[in-house]
Protein backbone atom coordinates (compact mmCIF):
# COMPACT_ATOMS: atom_id res chain seq x y z
CA MET A 1 99.57 -152.83 9.95
CA SER A 2 95.76 -153.59 9.35
CA THR A 3 94.73 -152.06 12.95
CA SER A 4 96.23 -148.53 11.91
CA ARG A 5 94.69 -148.80 8.43
CA ARG A 6 91.23 -149.69 9.58
CA HIS A 7 91.11 -146.94 12.40
CA PHE A 8 93.52 -144.04 11.08
CA LEU A 9 90.81 -142.51 8.86
CA GLN A 10 88.09 -142.96 11.55
CA TYR A 11 88.44 -139.44 12.69
CA SER A 12 87.20 -138.16 9.38
CA LEU A 13 84.07 -140.16 9.54
CA THR A 14 83.23 -139.20 12.95
CA ALA A 15 84.72 -135.74 13.67
CA ALA A 16 81.56 -133.88 12.55
CA SER A 17 79.98 -135.26 15.27
CA LEU A 18 82.16 -133.80 17.89
CA LEU A 19 81.09 -130.29 19.46
CA ALA A 20 83.49 -127.47 18.81
CA LEU A 21 86.26 -126.99 21.23
CA SER A 22 88.18 -123.56 21.82
CA PRO A 23 91.74 -123.21 20.82
CA GLU A 24 92.62 -123.18 24.66
CA ALA A 25 90.68 -126.55 25.08
CA LEU A 26 92.58 -128.06 22.02
CA ALA A 27 96.07 -127.27 23.79
CA GLY A 28 94.82 -129.36 26.61
CA SER A 29 96.97 -128.73 29.82
CA ASP A 30 99.83 -127.39 27.70
CA LYS A 31 100.81 -124.09 29.25
CA LYS A 32 104.20 -123.49 27.96
CA PRO A 33 104.68 -119.85 27.17
CA ALA A 34 105.17 -119.10 23.29
CA ALA A 35 108.21 -119.00 22.06
CA SER A 36 109.14 -116.20 19.44
CA ALA A 37 109.84 -117.72 15.99
CA ARG A 38 112.92 -115.97 14.15
CA LYS A 39 110.76 -115.37 11.11
CA LYS A 40 106.92 -115.16 10.79
CA LEU A 41 105.80 -117.52 8.24
CA LYS A 42 102.67 -117.73 6.11
CA LEU A 43 101.24 -121.16 6.23
CA LEU A 44 98.58 -123.13 4.49
CA ILE A 45 97.04 -126.23 6.06
CA LEU A 46 94.91 -128.67 3.58
CA GLY A 47 92.48 -129.51 6.16
CA GLY A 48 92.82 -128.14 9.52
CA THR A 49 89.81 -128.89 11.68
CA GLY A 50 89.95 -132.45 12.39
CA PHE A 51 92.25 -133.85 14.79
CA LEU A 52 96.09 -132.65 14.05
CA GLY A 53 94.98 -129.56 12.02
CA PRO A 54 93.57 -127.65 15.04
CA ALA A 55 96.37 -128.55 17.09
CA PHE A 56 98.91 -127.25 14.41
CA VAL A 57 97.10 -124.08 14.04
CA THR A 58 97.32 -123.30 17.74
CA ALA A 59 100.97 -124.26 17.81
CA ALA A 60 101.71 -122.16 14.74
CA GLN A 61 99.96 -119.11 16.04
CA ALA A 62 101.99 -119.52 19.29
CA ARG A 63 104.95 -119.20 17.37
CA GLY A 64 103.65 -116.20 15.83
CA HIS A 65 102.93 -117.56 12.27
CA SER A 66 99.77 -116.69 10.05
CA VAL A 67 97.69 -119.64 9.08
CA THR A 68 95.13 -120.13 6.52
CA LEU A 69 92.97 -123.17 6.20
CA PHE A 70 91.86 -124.87 2.87
CA ASN A 71 88.96 -127.28 3.36
CA ARG A 72 85.27 -128.26 2.64
CA GLY A 73 83.94 -126.15 5.36
CA LYS A 74 82.01 -129.23 6.72
CA THR A 75 83.71 -130.14 9.77
CA ARG A 76 83.73 -127.79 12.64
CA PRO A 77 83.56 -124.95 10.57
CA GLN A 78 83.05 -122.62 13.93
CA LEU A 79 86.74 -123.14 14.90
CA PHE A 80 89.14 -120.51 14.73
CA PRO A 81 87.13 -117.49 13.66
CA ASP A 82 90.01 -115.37 13.18
CA VAL A 83 91.81 -117.76 10.80
CA GLU A 84 91.58 -117.22 7.25
CA LYS A 85 89.51 -119.94 5.53
CA LEU A 86 89.18 -120.81 1.64
CA HIS A 87 86.79 -123.65 0.50
CA GLY A 88 87.10 -126.22 -2.08
CA ASP A 89 87.82 -129.83 -2.71
CA ARG A 90 90.94 -131.96 -2.66
CA ASP A 91 89.85 -133.60 -5.75
CA PRO A 92 89.94 -131.14 -8.58
CA LYS A 93 87.22 -132.86 -10.55
CA LYS A 94 84.72 -132.03 -7.68
CA GLY A 95 83.23 -128.57 -7.70
CA GLU A 96 85.66 -125.77 -7.68
CA GLY A 97 88.39 -128.09 -6.70
CA LEU A 98 91.70 -126.47 -5.90
CA LYS A 99 90.52 -123.14 -7.52
CA ALA A 100 90.97 -121.09 -4.04
CA LEU A 101 94.41 -121.84 -4.09
CA GLU A 102 95.18 -120.54 -7.35
CA GLY A 103 97.82 -117.66 -7.62
CA ARG A 104 98.39 -117.54 -3.70
CA THR A 105 101.75 -117.63 -2.00
CA TRP A 106 102.54 -119.14 1.37
CA ASP A 107 105.76 -120.27 2.78
CA ALA A 108 105.02 -123.72 3.55
CA VAL A 109 102.15 -126.07 3.37
CA LEU A 110 100.81 -128.91 5.57
CA ASP A 111 98.83 -131.64 3.92
CA ASN A 112 96.97 -133.19 6.58
CA SER A 113 94.21 -134.65 4.31
CA GLY A 114 95.78 -136.29 1.42
CA TYR A 115 95.07 -140.05 1.11
CA TYR A 116 94.98 -140.57 -2.80
CA PRO A 117 98.01 -139.86 -5.01
CA ARG A 118 96.21 -138.11 -7.79
CA MET A 119 94.98 -135.49 -5.35
CA VAL A 120 98.17 -134.90 -3.78
CA GLN A 121 99.74 -134.59 -7.01
CA ALA A 122 97.23 -132.12 -7.97
CA SER A 123 97.83 -129.74 -4.88
CA ALA A 124 101.59 -130.38 -4.81
CA GLU A 125 101.85 -129.52 -8.47
CA LEU A 126 99.61 -126.20 -8.29
CA LEU A 127 101.49 -125.03 -5.04
CA ALA A 128 104.98 -125.99 -6.45
CA PRO A 129 105.69 -122.31 -8.03
CA ASN A 130 104.46 -120.34 -5.11
CA VAL A 131 105.36 -122.29 -2.06
CA GLN A 132 108.83 -123.27 -0.73
CA HIS A 133 108.06 -126.16 1.58
CA TYR A 134 105.30 -128.92 1.49
CA VAL A 135 105.05 -131.05 4.60
CA TYR A 136 103.01 -134.23 4.10
CA ILE A 137 101.47 -136.23 7.02
CA SER A 138 102.07 -139.97 6.13
CA SER A 139 101.94 -142.77 8.52
CA ILE A 140 104.16 -145.68 9.89
CA SER A 141 101.53 -147.78 7.80
CA ALA A 142 103.73 -146.92 4.64
CA TYR A 143 106.25 -149.32 5.46
CA ALA A 144 105.80 -152.99 3.90
CA ASN A 145 106.30 -155.07 7.20
CA ASN A 146 106.33 -154.40 10.80
CA ASP A 147 108.17 -157.64 12.11
CA VAL A 148 111.89 -155.85 12.51
CA PRO A 149 112.42 -154.16 15.76
CA ASN A 150 114.26 -150.63 15.73
CA GLU A 151 114.03 -150.19 11.93
CA ASP A 152 114.47 -146.80 10.71
CA GLU A 153 113.31 -144.75 7.68
CA SER A 154 115.16 -146.78 5.21
CA GLY A 155 113.08 -149.98 5.55
CA PRO A 156 111.03 -151.42 2.72
CA THR A 157 107.91 -149.51 2.11
CA ALA A 158 104.34 -150.66 1.08
CA THR A 159 103.20 -151.19 -2.52
CA MET A 160 100.38 -152.08 -4.24
CA ALA A 161 99.60 -153.58 -8.00
CA ASP A 162 97.20 -150.79 -9.14
CA PRO A 163 98.51 -147.34 -8.00
CA THR A 164 95.46 -145.76 -9.59
CA VAL A 165 93.05 -147.51 -7.14
CA GLU A 166 91.20 -144.82 -4.96
CA THR A 167 89.78 -147.08 -2.22
CA MET A 168 91.16 -147.96 1.13
CA GLY A 169 89.63 -151.70 0.70
CA LYS A 170 87.52 -153.37 2.88
CA ASN A 171 89.89 -153.44 5.78
CA PHE A 172 91.85 -150.43 5.03
CA GLU A 173 94.61 -152.71 3.34
CA ASN A 174 95.51 -150.31 0.86
CA TYR A 175 95.78 -147.47 3.38
CA GLY A 176 99.64 -147.87 3.89
CA ALA A 177 100.50 -148.25 0.11
CA LEU A 178 98.40 -145.06 -0.72
CA LYS A 179 100.16 -143.20 1.92
CA ARG A 180 103.51 -144.09 0.17
CA LEU A 181 102.17 -143.12 -3.11
CA CYS A 182 101.27 -139.86 -2.03
CA GLU A 183 104.65 -139.26 -0.43
CA GLU A 184 106.01 -140.02 -3.94
CA ALA A 185 103.66 -137.65 -5.49
CA ALA A 186 104.52 -134.87 -3.68
CA GLU A 187 108.38 -135.43 -4.22
CA LYS A 188 107.75 -135.71 -7.84
CA ALA A 189 105.99 -132.06 -7.92
CA MET A 190 108.59 -130.59 -5.44
CA PRO A 191 111.52 -132.54 -5.48
CA GLY A 192 113.84 -131.63 -2.46
CA ARG A 193 111.34 -129.61 -0.73
CA VAL A 194 109.21 -132.35 0.75
CA ALA A 195 108.87 -133.55 4.51
CA SER A 196 107.05 -136.94 4.72
CA ILE A 197 106.18 -137.37 8.15
CA ARG A 198 105.36 -140.85 9.31
CA PRO A 199 103.49 -140.71 12.61
CA GLY A 200 102.38 -143.77 14.57
CA TYR A 201 99.25 -143.77 16.78
CA ILE A 202 98.32 -140.13 17.20
CA VAL A 203 96.87 -139.49 20.61
CA GLY A 204 95.59 -136.94 23.25
CA PRO A 205 92.94 -134.58 23.82
CA ASP A 206 90.38 -134.04 21.08
CA ASP A 207 91.31 -137.39 19.47
CA PRO A 208 87.69 -138.77 17.90
CA THR A 209 88.89 -142.43 17.48
CA ASP A 210 88.94 -143.16 21.15
CA ARG A 211 91.61 -145.92 20.72
CA PHE A 212 94.19 -144.73 23.14
CA THR A 213 91.45 -142.89 25.33
CA TYR A 214 89.75 -146.54 25.94
CA TRP A 215 92.46 -147.39 28.28
CA PRO A 216 92.26 -144.71 30.96
CA VAL A 217 88.45 -144.50 30.76
CA ARG A 218 88.34 -148.25 31.00
CA PHE A 219 90.77 -148.27 34.06
CA ASP A 220 88.64 -145.47 35.59
CA GLN A 221 85.49 -147.83 35.54
CA GLY A 222 87.27 -150.34 37.94
CA GLY A 223 86.59 -153.92 38.58
CA GLU A 224 88.56 -156.66 36.50
CA MET A 225 90.10 -155.35 33.34
CA LEU A 226 91.79 -157.32 30.58
CA ALA A 227 95.34 -156.09 29.98
CA PRO A 228 96.80 -157.63 26.90
CA GLY A 229 100.22 -159.52 26.64
CA SER A 230 102.47 -158.75 29.38
CA ALA A 231 103.57 -155.48 31.37
CA GLU A 232 106.76 -155.26 29.45
CA ASP A 233 105.19 -155.25 25.73
CA PRO A 234 106.44 -152.17 24.03
CA LEU A 235 104.01 -149.18 23.14
CA GLN A 236 104.67 -146.22 21.00
CA PHE A 237 102.49 -143.21 20.14
CA ILE A 238 102.62 -139.45 20.08
CA ASP A 239 100.78 -136.81 21.68
CA VAL A 240 98.93 -134.47 19.17
CA ARG A 241 100.27 -131.34 20.72
CA ASP A 242 103.99 -132.83 20.65
CA LEU A 243 103.63 -133.62 16.90
CA ALA A 244 102.02 -130.23 16.10
CA GLN A 245 104.70 -128.49 17.72
CA TRP A 246 107.42 -130.11 15.95
CA LEU A 247 105.96 -129.61 12.57
CA VAL A 248 105.89 -126.09 13.03
CA LEU A 249 109.77 -126.47 13.71
CA VAL A 250 110.04 -128.52 10.62
CA MET A 251 108.53 -125.77 8.62
CA GLU A 252 110.77 -123.15 10.33
CA ASN A 253 114.00 -125.20 9.48
CA LYS A 254 112.68 -126.24 6.04
CA LEU A 255 113.30 -130.01 6.79
CA ALA A 256 113.22 -132.41 3.76
CA GLY A 257 113.04 -136.09 3.70
CA SER A 258 111.19 -138.90 5.27
CA TYR A 259 110.86 -138.98 9.39
CA ASN A 260 109.39 -141.33 11.72
CA ALA A 261 107.20 -139.35 14.11
CA THR A 262 106.13 -141.64 17.01
CA GLY A 263 107.43 -142.03 20.62
CA PRO A 264 108.21 -141.79 23.46
CA GLU A 265 112.06 -141.06 22.92
CA LYS A 266 112.73 -143.75 25.56
CA PRO A 267 110.89 -146.96 25.48
CA TRP A 268 107.25 -147.06 27.01
CA THR A 269 105.40 -150.00 27.93
CA MET A 270 101.69 -151.66 28.40
CA GLY A 271 102.78 -151.83 32.19
CA GLY A 272 103.74 -147.91 32.23
CA LEU A 273 100.39 -147.25 30.42
CA PHE A 274 98.56 -148.84 33.17
CA ALA A 275 100.61 -147.29 35.83
CA ALA A 276 99.94 -143.87 34.35
CA CYS A 277 96.22 -144.80 34.36
CA LYS A 278 96.27 -145.57 38.04
CA GLU A 279 97.87 -142.32 38.70
CA ALA A 280 95.28 -140.36 36.61
CA THR A 281 92.16 -142.24 37.89
CA GLY A 282 93.16 -143.17 41.79
CA LYS A 283 91.71 -146.31 41.15
CA ASP A 284 92.86 -150.02 42.21
CA THR A 285 91.36 -151.60 39.16
CA LYS A 286 92.47 -155.13 38.95
CA LEU A 287 94.75 -156.35 35.99
CA THR A 288 94.24 -159.75 34.50
CA TRP A 289 97.11 -159.99 32.06
CA VAL A 290 96.20 -162.50 29.14
CA PRO A 291 99.24 -163.75 27.30
CA SER A 292 99.79 -162.64 23.78
CA GLU A 293 99.58 -166.23 22.28
CA PHE A 294 96.12 -166.76 23.75
CA LEU A 295 94.82 -163.50 22.66
CA VAL A 296 96.05 -164.44 19.03
CA LYS A 297 94.32 -167.65 19.36
CA ASN A 298 91.13 -166.11 20.11
CA GLY A 299 90.78 -163.47 17.55
CA GLU A 300 92.92 -160.46 19.03
CA ASP A 301 96.07 -160.65 17.00
CA GLY A 302 96.60 -156.66 16.58
CA GLU A 303 95.54 -156.70 12.95
CA ASN A 304 91.93 -158.19 14.08
CA GLY A 305 89.74 -157.88 16.95
CA ASP A 306 88.84 -155.06 19.30
CA ILE A 307 92.01 -154.42 21.57
CA PRO A 308 93.52 -151.19 20.53
CA ILE A 309 96.80 -149.58 20.05
CA TRP A 310 98.44 -152.73 21.53
CA ALA A 311 100.21 -155.25 19.00
CA PRO A 312 101.71 -158.44 20.38
CA PRO A 313 105.50 -158.30 20.19
CA ILE A 314 106.04 -161.55 18.26
CA GLY A 315 105.87 -162.59 14.60
CA LYS A 316 104.69 -160.02 11.83
CA THR A 317 104.10 -157.41 14.71
CA LYS A 318 107.09 -157.72 16.59
CA GLY A 319 108.55 -154.22 15.49
CA PHE A 320 105.41 -152.09 14.96
CA HIS A 321 105.78 -150.38 18.73
CA VAL A 322 109.68 -150.25 18.39
CA ARG A 323 110.31 -147.89 15.34
CA SER A 324 113.29 -145.93 15.52
CA VAL A 325 112.51 -142.11 15.88
CA SER A 326 116.30 -140.98 16.19
CA LYS A 327 116.10 -139.01 13.02
CA ALA A 328 113.17 -136.93 14.10
CA VAL A 329 114.71 -136.57 17.66
CA LYS A 330 117.54 -135.22 16.15
CA ALA A 331 115.56 -132.72 14.31
CA GLY A 332 113.84 -131.45 17.56
CA LEU A 333 111.08 -133.59 17.96
CA LYS A 334 110.37 -133.54 21.95
CA PHE A 335 107.87 -135.52 24.15
CA ARG A 336 105.66 -135.04 27.32
CA PRO A 337 105.61 -137.66 29.75
CA GLY A 338 103.10 -140.33 28.87
CA ASN A 339 101.58 -140.02 32.29
CA VAL A 340 100.54 -136.52 31.28
CA THR A 341 98.95 -137.33 28.05
CA VAL A 342 97.14 -140.08 29.86
CA LYS A 343 95.93 -137.69 32.39
CA ASP A 344 95.07 -134.79 29.97
CA THR A 345 93.21 -137.18 27.43
CA LEU A 346 90.96 -138.92 30.27
CA ALA A 347 90.19 -135.06 31.41
CA TYR A 348 89.31 -134.27 28.04
CA PHE A 349 86.86 -137.33 27.55
CA GLN A 350 85.14 -136.52 31.05
CA GLY A 351 84.72 -132.99 29.64
CA LEU A 352 82.51 -134.12 26.79
CA PRO A 353 78.73 -134.19 26.64
CA GLU A 354 77.22 -137.03 28.62
CA GLU A 355 75.61 -138.45 24.96
CA ARG A 356 79.01 -138.38 23.49
CA ARG A 357 80.60 -140.59 26.73
CA LYS A 358 77.72 -143.36 26.54
CA LYS A 359 79.67 -145.45 24.28
CA LEU A 360 83.38 -145.44 23.21
CA LYS A 361 83.93 -145.65 19.63
CA ALA A 362 87.12 -148.27 20.08
CA GLY A 363 88.30 -150.95 22.49
CA LEU A 364 86.67 -154.04 23.93
CA SER A 365 82.93 -154.07 24.73
CA PRO A 366 81.95 -155.01 28.08
CA GLU A 367 80.76 -158.22 26.66
CA ARG A 368 83.68 -159.08 24.85
CA GLU A 369 86.28 -158.06 27.71
CA LYS A 370 84.04 -160.68 29.75
CA GLU A 371 84.11 -163.17 27.44
CA LEU A 372 87.98 -163.18 26.99
CA LEU A 373 88.39 -163.16 30.49
CA GLY A 374 86.32 -165.91 30.96
CA LEU A 375 88.10 -168.11 28.35
CA TRP A 376 91.46 -167.16 29.86
CA ALA A 377 90.13 -168.35 33.63
CA LYS A 378 88.71 -171.80 32.32
CA ALA A 379 91.90 -172.24 30.36
CA GLN A 380 94.00 -171.78 33.47
CA GLN A 381 91.70 -173.93 35.38
CA ALA A 382 92.35 -177.06 32.55
CA PRO A 383 93.29 -180.22 34.64
CA ALA A 384 96.70 -181.39 34.38
CA SER A 385 97.62 -184.72 32.54
CA PRO A 386 97.28 -187.86 34.59
CA PRO A 387 100.50 -189.44 35.85
CA ALA A 388 101.52 -192.47 33.38
CA ALA A 389 100.92 -196.07 34.50
CA PRO A 390 104.01 -198.04 35.15
CA GLY A 391 105.69 -199.02 31.94
CA LYS A 392 103.67 -196.60 29.82
CA PRO A 393 104.89 -193.33 28.61
CA ALA A 394 103.14 -190.06 30.31
CA ALA A 395 100.31 -188.47 28.03
CA PRO A 396 101.28 -185.77 26.21
CA GLU A 397 100.64 -182.09 27.97
CA LYS A 398 97.54 -180.35 26.89
CA LYS A 399 98.29 -176.70 26.02
CA SER A 400 95.83 -173.92 26.81
CA GLN A 401 93.40 -172.74 23.95
């Protein structure tokens, strides 16, 4: 959907402004002892210093694997000084392109930075003779529709008229179709050796987009807070650390095919999110639930507007937060409790420099929230229709706007 297409790439535009974090900080409060892998693998990451990449490096090293990063060396280059780093460009037509990868051998590659099929094709074809397994990070935006609840990986996927287009579009409307074309490009280059992973919202410590972060931070501010839809509205997301740890297993087990990678395993709700926010903050923030229909009429429909993560469970977004993840769960994907993700995300944000914390990069501005709450309060105070005079039909009931 457009919300994710508009924001999923935001980290690439903002990550350079983040201060470097240590591997320990990137791992958050996850203190589980590292398990030893059956075989030590040589892994390559195309990217590796944004959001998912660092979490993957931490998870892979905890399993005893060696990691090489390939990127332009521009985003947080000081991360992981003990890791081999190769520099180049995903676009083979720019600078040295993929030259640093030529003749090198790895057991598996994580493509965490491929957005255009031409570039994914170039890397996959180059690596095919010397790499056994290609793991491509796609998106649930690769699906054509979001109106069917509990749809699995067999659902229809997004298409575009011109597959050679290399722009996301004004509102990232090309994002999903391009991701699907990237999946196909990798599979064509390495048939039967590609795992296309389709995450939903990736959240947790080190998230530079502030989409999920907005909720615990706003709850911590107190006062009257707009809560979208209803407490029963479904919510799916995946903690970056859970995704990273599972990706290591995907490589160890050489899984192939497409997998939805969002969660949690058991349904979560907006009400559950705010309960976790209350637990994490200790605040008695007043929630004012504003119905989906009202928000849609006022420009907040999950595609347009400023309310992050949430999507109304009606119409074209009815199935957005209820994708089936049973295939990935059977393949070993596990989830930490949502309240742990909320707590760790808030702690991460509170530990950032004051300048970074001054303005969230996503979510309702105080002015917009106040506006919507005011409109809803006014709608609630609309006078009822007067009783009909004798012998005359009753006036039609006015609907809230």
